[in-house]
């Protein structure tokens, strides 16, 4: 299964669980958004998630890095790329990113 196919299946599962969640695009890439706010997208073979500093992995995890589209380190602050190699962690990470969006909206 490709990273894109895995991401689209993940989107479908998440949409069935969470109201107000929908597929969208961000920077021309397939993404997920909650109430109009994007929090996850697929980029090449990596998922890119909006995670705050408390949910970032230890720096020792190989392949995880801050997302810097077009070499701009400030454009999408707090967005992290996670390679397809770690796809078994993607669902949990998407849930954390969604929780972060809900927190920023004052929801639980």
Protein backbone atom coordinates (compact mmCIF):
# COMPACT_ATOMS: atom_id res chain seq x y z
CA UNK A 1 0.00 0.00 0.00
CA UNK A 2 1.30 3.46 -0.84
CA UNK A 3 1.50 6.33 1.61
CA UNK A 4 -1.26 8.18 -0.26
CA UNK A 5 -3.60 5.16 -0.19
CA UNK A 6 -2.90 4.63 3.51
CA UNK A 7 -3.57 8.33 4.22
CA UNK A 8 -6.86 8.27 2.28
CA UNK A 9 -8.01 5.18 4.21
CA UNK A 10 -7.04 6.93 7.43
CA UNK A 11 -9.07 9.98 6.37
CA UNK A 12 -12.12 7.82 5.69
CA UNK A 13 -11.84 6.12 9.11
CA UNK A 14 -11.40 9.46 10.88
CA UNK A 15 -14.40 10.99 9.07
CA UNK A 16 -16.60 8.15 10.29
CA UNK A 17 -15.48 8.71 13.90
CA UNK A 18 -15.34 12.50 14.20
CA UNK A 19 -18.06 14.95 13.19
CA UNK A 20 -16.95 18.15 11.43
CA UNK A 21 -13.93 16.39 9.96
CA UNK A 22 -13.50 16.43 6.19
CA UNK A 23 -10.98 15.84 3.44
CA UNK A 24 -9.52 18.94 1.85
CA UNK A 25 -6.32 20.18 0.22
CA UNK A 26 -3.46 22.19 1.67
CA UNK A 27 -0.62 23.38 -0.58
CA UNK A 28 -2.19 21.24 -3.34
CA UNK A 29 -1.84 18.11 -1.19
CA UNK A 30 -4.65 15.93 0.21
CA UNK A 31 -5.35 16.97 3.78
CA UNK A 32 -7.76 16.66 6.70
CA UNK A 33 -9.40 19.59 8.37
CA UNK A 34 -11.63 20.14 11.36
CA UNK A 35 -14.07 23.05 11.16
CA UNK A 36 -12.02 24.63 8.40
CA UNK A 37 -8.63 24.22 10.07
CA UNK A 38 -6.14 21.83 8.48
CA UNK A 39 -4.15 19.62 10.82
CA UNK A 40 -2.81 16.76 8.67
CA UNK A 41 -1.75 16.26 5.07
CA UNK A 42 0.23 13.88 2.90
CA UNK A 43 3.41 15.06 1.20
CA UNK A 44 5.23 12.55 -1.02
CA UNK A 45 5.60 9.49 1.24
CA UNK A 46 5.22 11.39 4.52
CA UNK A 47 2.35 12.55 6.64
CA UNK A 48 2.66 16.14 7.82
CA UNK A 49 0.93 16.97 11.10
CA UNK A 50 0.36 20.08 13.16
CA UNK A 51 1.73 19.08 16.57
CA UNK A 52 2.75 21.31 19.44
CA UNK A 53 6.07 20.92 21.19
CA UNK A 54 4.68 18.67 23.90
CA UNK A 55 3.60 15.99 21.43
CA UNK A 56 6.76 16.02 19.34
CA UNK A 57 8.82 12.84 19.43
CA UNK A 58 12.24 12.56 20.98
CA UNK A 59 14.89 13.93 18.68
CA UNK A 60 16.34 10.43 18.40
CA UNK A 61 13.55 9.16 16.13
CA UNK A 62 15.09 8.88 12.70
CA UNK A 63 13.27 10.61 9.87
CA UNK A 64 10.99 12.89 11.87
CA UNK A 65 11.58 16.54 11.14
CA UNK A 66 9.86 19.90 11.04
CA UNK A 67 8.09 20.52 7.76
CA UNK A 68 9.75 23.23 5.67
CA UNK A 69 7.89 23.62 2.38
CA UNK A 70 9.93 25.33 -0.27
CA UNK A 71 12.76 25.73 2.25
CA UNK A 72 10.76 28.18 4.37
CA UNK A 73 11.28 27.17 8.02
CA UNK A 74 8.69 29.62 9.38
CA UNK A 75 5.80 29.06 6.94
CA UNK A 76 4.12 26.19 8.78
CA UNK A 77 5.44 26.32 12.31
CA UNK A 78 4.85 23.28 14.49
CA UNK A 79 4.19 21.01 11.51
CA UNK A 80 6.11 17.75 11.60
CA UNK A 81 6.86 15.27 8.80
CA UNK A 82 6.64 11.58 9.67
CA UNK A 83 7.83 9.08 7.04
CA UNK A 84 5.67 6.21 5.81
CA UNK A 85 8.06 3.88 7.64
CA UNK A 86 6.19 4.92 10.82
CA UNK A 87 2.70 4.54 9.31
CA UNK A 88 1.62 2.34 12.22
CA UNK A 89 1.89 5.48 14.39
CA UNK A 90 -0.01 7.74 12.00
CA UNK A 91 -3.49 7.16 13.46
CA UNK A 92 -2.36 8.03 16.99
CA UNK A 93 -0.50 11.09 15.72
CA UNK A 94 -3.50 12.28 13.71
CA UNK A 95 -5.64 11.97 16.85
CA UNK A 96 -3.09 14.09 18.77
CA UNK A 97 -3.08 16.70 16.02
CA UNK A 98 -6.90 16.76 16.01
CA UNK A 99 -6.92 17.16 19.80
CA UNK A 100 -4.57 20.12 19.40
CA UNK A 101 -6.95 21.79 16.93
CA UNK A 102 -9.91 21.17 19.24
CA UNK A 103 -7.95 22.66 22.16
CA UNK A 104 -7.13 25.76 20.13
CA UNK A 105 -10.86 26.15 19.45
CA UNK A 106 -11.71 25.74 23.14
CA UNK A 107 -13.33 22.34 22.65
CA UNK A 108 -12.76 19.07 24.44
